[in-house]
Amino acid sequence: TVLTTPANVNDVTQAHGLLHGQETVALGDAGYQGVAKRPENQDAPVTWHVALRPGVRQALPDDALGRLQERIEQVKASLRAKVEHPFHIVKNLFKHRKARYRGLAKNQAHLFTLFGLANLVLAGWRLRARDALRVS
């Protein structure tokens, strides 16, 4: 799901719009702290797994419980990293790095196109990797 909003809108206020309705688990970075407490998300049957803020993560104790919490944070980060690949393609391969002030509707249409193409690029990479494994 791609949502476009003005720059002064916080990510956590749009979390409910990113859900399709079939999710049981949702992961978010530290910017989504408190998402489960928001009124629009309280009735959703979703378990939220939100990253700790960097300062809280650095202050974890160096004991068994602290190391377990750090490992949990690493697993959450590795799962969230899968979502970052299309952003890498859009920003680095398609050079969409600067904000373009053309109106929200035009920006949204442009982003839909870029992310659709990014999905095709990722699918092509997977197909070529699969074919390369078959050749040898």
N, C-alpha and C. Protein backbone atom coordinates (compact mmCIF):
# COMPACT_ATOMS: atom_id res chain seq x y z
N THR A 1 0.85 -1.18 0.00
CA THR A 1 0.00 0.00 0.00
C THR A 1 0.89 1.23 0.00
N VAL A 2 0.54 2.18 -0.82
CA VAL A 2 1.25 3.45 -0.87
C VAL A 2 0.27 4.55 -0.48
N LEU A 3 0.62 5.33 0.52
CA LEU A 3 -0.17 6.48 0.93
C LEU A 3 0.67 7.73 0.76
N THR A 4 0.11 8.74 0.18
CA THR A 4 0.81 10.01 0.08
C THR A 4 0.06 11.04 0.91
N THR A 5 0.80 11.78 1.69
CA THR A 5 0.22 12.82 2.55
C THR A 5 1.12 14.04 2.48
N PRO A 6 0.63 15.17 2.94
CA PRO A 6 1.52 16.33 3.05
C PRO A 6 2.64 16.03 4.05
N ALA A 7 3.71 16.76 3.96
CA ALA A 7 4.89 16.50 4.77
C ALA A 7 4.64 16.72 6.26
N ASN A 8 3.63 17.48 6.62
CA ASN A 8 3.41 17.76 8.04
C ASN A 8 2.50 16.74 8.71
N VAL A 9 2.22 15.61 8.06
CA VAL A 9 1.39 14.56 8.64
C VAL A 9 2.31 13.46 9.17
N ASN A 10 2.12 13.09 10.42
CA ASN A 10 2.94 12.07 11.07
C ASN A 10 2.56 10.68 10.55
N ASP A 11 3.54 9.80 10.42
CA ASP A 11 3.31 8.44 9.92
C ASP A 11 2.32 7.66 10.78
N VAL A 12 2.41 7.82 12.08
CA VAL A 12 1.58 7.02 12.98
C VAL A 12 0.09 7.32 12.80
N THR A 13 -0.25 8.50 12.31
CA THR A 13 -1.65 8.84 12.10
C THR A 13 -2.23 8.14 10.87
N GLN A 14 -1.38 7.61 10.01
CA GLN A 14 -1.83 6.97 8.78
C GLN A 14 -1.69 5.45 8.81
N ALA A 15 -1.32 4.89 9.94
CA ALA A 15 -1.07 3.45 10.02
C ALA A 15 -2.30 2.63 9.67
N HIS A 16 -3.47 3.07 10.08
CA HIS A 16 -4.69 2.32 9.78
C HIS A 16 -4.97 2.26 8.28
N GLY A 17 -4.54 3.25 7.54
CA GLY A 17 -4.75 3.27 6.10
C GLY A 17 -3.83 2.32 5.35
N LEU A 18 -2.77 1.87 6.00
CA LEU A 18 -1.83 0.95 5.36
C LEU A 18 -2.28 -0.50 5.47
N LEU A 19 -3.26 -0.77 6.32
CA LEU A 19 -3.73 -2.14 6.54
C LEU A 19 -4.82 -2.49 5.54
N HIS A 20 -4.78 -3.72 5.05
CA HIS A 20 -5.78 -4.20 4.11
C HIS A 20 -6.99 -4.80 4.83
N GLY A 21 -6.78 -5.28 6.03
CA GLY A 21 -7.85 -5.90 6.79
C GLY A 21 -7.61 -7.37 7.07
N GLN A 22 -6.69 -7.99 6.36
CA GLN A 22 -6.38 -9.41 6.55
C GLN A 22 -5.16 -9.63 7.45
N GLU A 23 -4.51 -8.55 7.87
CA GLU A 23 -3.29 -8.67 8.65
C GLU A 23 -3.60 -9.10 10.07
N THR A 24 -2.70 -9.88 10.62
CA THR A 24 -2.77 -10.23 12.04
C THR A 24 -1.58 -9.64 12.78
N VAL A 25 -0.51 -9.34 12.06
CA VAL A 25 0.71 -8.79 12.64
C VAL A 25 1.16 -7.63 11.77
N ALA A 26 1.60 -6.55 12.41
CA ALA A 26 2.13 -5.40 11.67
C ALA A 26 3.41 -4.95 12.37
N LEU A 27 4.41 -4.63 11.56
CA LEU A 27 5.68 -4.17 12.09
C LEU A 27 5.89 -2.72 11.69
N GLY A 28 6.50 -1.95 12.58
CA GLY A 28 6.77 -0.55 12.28
C GLY A 28 8.06 -0.10 12.91
N ASP A 29 8.63 0.97 12.36
CA ASP A 29 9.85 1.50 12.97
C ASP A 29 9.47 2.34 14.19
N ALA A 30 10.45 2.98 14.79
CA ALA A 30 10.24 3.70 16.05
C ALA A 30 9.27 4.87 15.89
N GLY A 31 9.05 5.33 14.69
CA GLY A 31 8.11 6.41 14.46
C GLY A 31 6.66 6.02 14.70
N TYR A 32 6.40 4.74 14.82
CA TYR A 32 5.05 4.24 15.04
C TYR A 32 4.78 3.94 16.51
N GLN A 33 5.59 4.46 17.42
CA GLN A 33 5.36 4.26 18.85
C GLN A 33 3.96 4.74 19.21
N GLY A 34 3.21 3.93 19.94
CA GLY A 34 1.87 4.30 20.39
C GLY A 34 0.78 4.03 19.38
N VAL A 35 1.08 3.34 18.29
CA VAL A 35 0.09 3.11 17.25
C VAL A 35 -1.07 2.26 17.75
N ALA A 36 -0.81 1.31 18.64
CA ALA A 36 -1.88 0.44 19.14
C ALA A 36 -2.85 1.19 20.04
N LYS A 37 -2.42 2.30 20.62
CA LYS A 37 -3.27 3.07 21.53
C LYS A 37 -4.16 4.07 20.81
N ARG A 38 -3.92 4.30 19.54
CA ARG A 38 -4.72 5.28 18.80
C ARG A 38 -6.14 4.75 18.60
N PRO A 39 -7.14 5.62 18.68
CA PRO A 39 -8.54 5.16 18.61
C PRO A 39 -8.89 4.43 17.31
N GLU A 40 -8.30 4.83 16.18
CA GLU A 40 -8.65 4.17 14.92
C GLU A 40 -8.05 2.78 14.80
N ASN A 41 -7.09 2.43 15.67
CA ASN A 41 -6.43 1.13 15.61
C ASN A 41 -6.83 0.19 16.73
N GLN A 42 -7.61 0.65 17.69
CA GLN A 42 -7.91 -0.18 18.85
C GLN A 42 -8.81 -1.36 18.52
N ASP A 43 -9.69 -1.23 17.55
CA ASP A 43 -10.59 -2.33 17.20
C ASP A 43 -10.00 -3.27 16.16
N ALA A 44 -8.86 -2.92 15.59
CA ALA A 44 -8.24 -3.76 14.56
C ALA A 44 -7.62 -5.00 15.21
N PRO A 45 -7.86 -6.17 14.63
CA PRO A 45 -7.29 -7.41 15.20
C PRO A 45 -5.83 -7.61 14.79
N VAL A 46 -5.03 -6.60 15.01
CA VAL A 46 -3.63 -6.62 14.58
C VAL A 46 -2.74 -6.54 15.82
N THR A 47 -1.71 -7.36 15.84
CA THR A 47 -0.68 -7.26 16.87
C THR A 47 0.44 -6.39 16.32
N TRP A 48 0.69 -5.28 16.97
CA TRP A 48 1.70 -4.33 16.51
C TRP A 48 3.04 -4.66 17.15
N HIS A 49 4.08 -4.72 16.34
CA HIS A 49 5.45 -4.90 16.80
C HIS A 49 6.24 -3.68 16.33
N VAL A 50 6.46 -2.76 17.24
CA VAL A 50 7.10 -1.49 16.91
C VAL A 50 8.50 -1.48 17.51
N ALA A 51 9.45 -0.97 16.77
CA ALA A 51 10.84 -0.91 17.22
C ALA A 51 10.99 0.03 18.41
N LEU A 52 11.96 -0.29 19.24
CA LEU A 52 12.30 0.62 20.33
C LEU A 52 12.98 1.85 19.76
N ARG A 53 12.84 2.95 20.46
CA ARG A 53 13.57 4.15 20.06
C ARG A 53 15.07 3.89 20.26
N PRO A 54 15.93 4.51 19.45
CA PRO A 54 17.37 4.23 19.53
C PRO A 54 17.95 4.45 20.93
N GLY A 55 17.54 5.48 21.60
CA GLY A 55 18.07 5.74 22.94
C GLY A 55 17.67 4.67 23.94
N VAL A 56 16.46 4.17 23.83
CA VAL A 56 15.99 3.11 24.71
C VAL A 56 16.72 1.82 24.38
N ARG A 57 16.95 1.58 23.12
CA ARG A 57 17.65 0.36 22.71
C ARG A 57 19.10 0.36 23.19
N GLN A 58 19.75 1.51 23.12
CA GLN A 58 21.14 1.60 23.59
C GLN A 58 21.23 1.42 25.09
N ALA A 59 20.17 1.79 25.80
CA ALA A 59 20.19 1.71 27.26
C ALA A 59 19.76 0.36 27.80
N LEU A 60 19.57 -0.63 26.93
CA LEU A 60 19.19 -1.96 27.41
C LEU A 60 20.30 -2.51 28.29
N PRO A 61 19.95 -3.17 29.38
CA PRO A 61 20.98 -3.69 30.29
C PRO A 61 21.77 -4.83 29.64
N ASP A 62 22.97 -5.02 30.12
CA ASP A 62 23.84 -6.08 29.59
C ASP A 62 23.67 -7.33 30.44
N ASP A 63 22.46 -7.84 30.46
CA ASP A 63 22.18 -9.09 31.14
C ASP A 63 21.40 -9.98 30.19
N ALA A 64 20.93 -11.12 30.65
CA ALA A 64 20.25 -12.07 29.78
C ALA A 64 18.98 -11.46 29.17
N LEU A 65 18.21 -10.74 29.98
CA LEU A 65 16.98 -10.13 29.48
C LEU A 65 17.28 -9.04 28.46
N GLY A 66 18.31 -8.23 28.71
CA GLY A 66 18.69 -7.18 27.78
C GLY A 66 19.16 -7.74 26.46
N ARG A 67 19.95 -8.82 26.51
CA ARG A 67 20.42 -9.45 25.27
C ARG A 67 19.25 -10.07 24.50
N LEU A 68 18.27 -10.63 25.22
CA LEU A 68 17.10 -11.17 24.56
C LEU A 68 16.30 -10.06 23.88
N GLN A 69 16.10 -8.94 24.56
CA GLN A 69 15.40 -7.81 23.95
C GLN A 69 16.15 -7.28 22.74
N GLU A 70 17.47 -7.23 22.81
CA GLU A 70 18.27 -6.78 21.66
C GLU A 70 18.10 -7.73 20.48
N ARG A 71 18.07 -9.02 20.76
CA ARG A 71 17.89 -10.00 19.68
C ARG A 71 16.50 -9.86 19.05
N ILE A 72 15.49 -9.61 19.87
CA ILE A 72 14.14 -9.39 19.36
C ILE A 72 14.12 -8.16 18.45
N GLU A 73 14.81 -7.11 18.86
CA GLU A 73 14.88 -5.90 18.04
C GLU A 73 15.60 -6.17 16.72
N GLN A 74 16.63 -7.00 16.73
CA GLN A 74 17.33 -7.35 15.50
C GLN A 74 16.43 -8.12 14.55
N VAL A 75 15.61 -9.03 15.09
CA VAL A 75 14.69 -9.80 14.25
C VAL A 75 13.64 -8.87 13.65
N LYS A 76 13.09 -7.96 14.47
CA LYS A 76 12.12 -7.00 13.94
C LYS A 76 12.74 -6.15 12.84
N ALA A 77 13.98 -5.72 13.03
CA ALA A 77 14.65 -4.89 12.03
C ALA A 77 14.90 -5.68 10.74
N SER A 78 15.24 -6.95 10.86
CA SER A 78 15.49 -7.75 9.65
C SER A 78 14.19 -7.97 8.87
N LEU A 79 13.07 -8.10 9.57
CA LEU A 79 11.78 -8.24 8.87
C LEU A 79 11.38 -6.94 8.21
N ARG A 80 11.60 -5.81 8.88
CA ARG A 80 11.25 -4.52 8.30
C ARG A 80 12.15 -4.19 7.11
N ALA A 81 13.36 -4.72 7.09
CA ALA A 81 14.30 -4.42 6.01
C ALA A 81 13.79 -4.93 4.66
N LYS A 82 12.97 -5.97 4.66
CA LYS A 82 12.42 -6.50 3.41
C LYS A 82 11.58 -5.44 2.70
N VAL A 83 10.94 -4.59 3.47
CA VAL A 83 10.08 -3.55 2.90
C VAL A 83 10.91 -2.42 2.30
N GLU A 84 12.14 -2.30 2.71
CA GLU A 84 12.98 -1.18 2.26
C GLU A 84 13.54 -1.38 0.86
N HIS A 85 13.50 -2.57 0.30
CA HIS A 85 14.07 -2.80 -1.03
C HIS A 85 13.37 -2.00 -2.12
N PRO A 86 12.04 -1.94 -2.15
CA PRO A 86 11.41 -1.07 -3.18
C PRO A 86 11.79 0.40 -3.01
N PHE A 87 11.95 0.86 -1.77
CA PHE A 87 12.37 2.25 -1.55
C PHE A 87 13.78 2.47 -2.09
N HIS A 88 14.65 1.49 -1.93
CA HIS A 88 16.01 1.59 -2.48
C HIS A 88 15.96 1.73 -3.99
N ILE A 89 15.11 0.95 -4.64
CA ILE A 89 15.01 1.02 -6.09
C ILE A 89 14.46 2.37 -6.54
N VAL A 90 13.39 2.83 -5.86
CA VAL A 90 12.78 4.10 -6.25
C VAL A 90 13.75 5.25 -6.05
N LYS A 91 14.48 5.25 -4.94
CA LYS A 91 15.37 6.37 -4.65
C LYS A 91 16.68 6.31 -5.43
N ASN A 92 17.26 5.13 -5.55
CA ASN A 92 18.59 5.04 -6.15
C ASN A 92 18.58 4.66 -7.63
N LEU A 93 17.72 3.74 -8.02
CA LEU A 93 17.70 3.33 -9.42
C LEU A 93 16.90 4.31 -10.27
N PHE A 94 15.75 4.77 -9.73
CA PHE A 94 14.90 5.70 -10.46
C PHE A 94 15.16 7.16 -10.10
N LYS A 95 16.09 7.42 -9.18
CA LYS A 95 16.54 8.77 -8.80
C LYS A 95 15.42 9.67 -8.27
N HIS A 96 14.47 9.09 -7.55
CA HIS A 96 13.40 9.89 -6.95
C HIS A 96 13.83 10.23 -5.52
N ARG A 97 14.62 11.28 -5.38
CA ARG A 97 15.19 11.62 -4.08
C ARG A 97 14.67 12.93 -3.51
N LYS A 98 14.34 13.87 -4.36
CA LYS A 98 13.91 15.19 -3.88
C LYS A 98 12.39 15.30 -3.93
N ALA A 99 11.85 16.10 -3.04
CA ALA A 99 10.41 16.35 -3.04
C ALA A 99 10.04 17.16 -4.28
N ARG A 100 8.96 16.78 -4.88
CA ARG A 100 8.47 17.49 -6.05
C ARG A 100 7.13 18.10 -5.69
N TYR A 101 7.02 19.39 -5.82
CA TYR A 101 5.82 20.10 -5.43
C TYR A 101 4.94 20.32 -6.65
N ARG A 102 4.23 19.26 -7.03
CA ARG A 102 3.36 19.33 -8.20
C ARG A 102 1.92 19.08 -7.82
N GLY A 103 1.65 18.99 -6.56
CA GLY A 103 0.31 18.64 -6.11
C GLY A 103 0.28 17.21 -5.63
N LEU A 104 -0.53 16.96 -4.63
CA LEU A 104 -0.58 15.64 -4.01
C LEU A 104 -1.06 14.56 -4.97
N ALA A 105 -2.04 14.85 -5.80
CA ALA A 105 -2.57 13.84 -6.73
C ALA A 105 -1.52 13.43 -7.76
N LYS A 106 -0.77 14.40 -8.29
CA LYS A 106 0.27 14.07 -9.27
C LYS A 106 1.42 13.32 -8.62
N ASN A 107 1.78 13.73 -7.40
CA ASN A 107 2.84 13.00 -6.68
C ASN A 107 2.41 11.57 -6.40
N GLN A 108 1.15 11.39 -6.01
CA GLN A 108 0.65 10.05 -5.72
C GLN A 108 0.68 9.18 -6.97
N ALA A 109 0.24 9.70 -8.10
CA ALA A 109 0.26 8.94 -9.35
C ALA A 109 1.69 8.59 -9.74
N HIS A 110 2.61 9.52 -9.55
CA HIS A 110 4.02 9.26 -9.86
C HIS A 110 4.58 8.15 -8.96
N LEU A 111 4.25 8.21 -7.66
CA LEU A 111 4.75 7.19 -6.74
C LEU A 111 4.13 5.82 -7.02
N PHE A 112 2.84 5.77 -7.36
CA PHE A 112 2.24 4.49 -7.73
C PHE A 112 2.98 3.87 -8.91
N THR A 113 3.30 4.68 -9.90
CA THR A 113 4.02 4.19 -11.07
C THR A 113 5.42 3.71 -10.68
N LEU A 114 6.14 4.50 -9.89
CA LEU A 114 7.50 4.12 -9.50
C LEU A 114 7.52 2.84 -8.68
N PHE A 115 6.61 2.71 -7.73
CA PHE A 115 6.60 1.50 -6.90
C PHE A 115 6.12 0.29 -7.70
N GLY A 116 5.21 0.49 -8.64
CA GLY A 116 4.83 -0.62 -9.52
C GLY A 116 6.02 -1.10 -10.35
N LEU A 117 6.78 -0.15 -10.90
CA LEU A 117 7.98 -0.52 -11.65
C LEU A 117 9.03 -1.16 -10.75
N ALA A 118 9.14 -0.68 -9.51
CA ALA A 118 10.10 -1.28 -8.56
C ALA A 118 9.73 -2.74 -8.30
N ASN A 119 8.43 -3.04 -8.19
CA ASN A 119 8.01 -4.43 -8.01
C ASN A 119 8.40 -5.27 -9.21
N LEU A 120 8.29 -4.71 -10.42
CA LEU A 120 8.70 -5.44 -11.62
C LEU A 120 10.20 -5.69 -11.65
N VAL A 121 10.97 -4.69 -11.22
CA VAL A 121 12.44 -4.85 -11.16
C VAL A 121 12.80 -5.95 -10.18
N LEU A 122 12.17 -5.95 -9.00
CA LEU A 122 12.45 -6.99 -8.00
C LEU A 122 12.06 -8.37 -8.53
N ALA A 123 10.92 -8.46 -9.21
CA ALA A 123 10.50 -9.74 -9.77
C ALA A 123 11.49 -10.21 -10.84
N GLY A 124 11.98 -9.29 -11.65
CA GLY A 124 12.98 -9.65 -12.66
C GLY A 124 14.27 -10.15 -12.03
N TRP A 125 14.69 -9.51 -10.95
CA TRP A 125 15.90 -9.96 -10.26
C TRP A 125 15.71 -11.38 -9.72
N ARG A 126 14.52 -11.64 -9.15
CA ARG A 126 14.25 -12.98 -8.60
C ARG A 126 14.23 -14.02 -9.72
N LEU A 127 13.61 -13.69 -10.85
CA LEU A 127 13.56 -14.64 -11.96
C LEU A 127 14.94 -14.94 -12.51
N ARG A 128 15.76 -13.90 -12.67
CA ARG A 128 17.12 -14.12 -13.16
C ARG A 128 17.94 -14.94 -12.17
N ALA A 129 17.75 -14.72 -10.88
CA ALA A 129 18.48 -15.52 -9.87
C ALA A 129 18.02 -16.97 -9.91
N ARG A 130 16.73 -17.18 -10.09
CA ARG A 130 16.21 -18.55 -10.16
C ARG A 130 16.73 -19.26 -11.41
N ASP A 131 16.75 -18.55 -12.54
CA ASP A 131 17.26 -19.15 -13.78
C ASP A 131 18.75 -19.43 -13.70
N ALA A 132 19.49 -18.58 -13.01
CA ALA A 132 20.93 -18.79 -12.85
C ALA A 132 21.20 -20.04 -12.03
N LEU A 133 20.36 -20.32 -11.05
CA LEU A 133 20.54 -21.52 -10.26
C LEU A 133 20.25 -22.77 -11.09
N ARG A 134 19.32 -22.70 -12.02
CA ARG A 134 18.95 -23.84 -12.83
C ARG A 134 20.02 -24.16 -13.88
N VAL A 135 20.72 -23.16 -14.38
CA VAL A 135 21.69 -23.36 -15.46
C VAL A 135 22.86 -24.19 -14.99
N SER A 136 23.33 -23.96 -13.79
CA SER A 136 24.53 -24.66 -13.34
C SER A 136 24.27 -26.03 -12.88
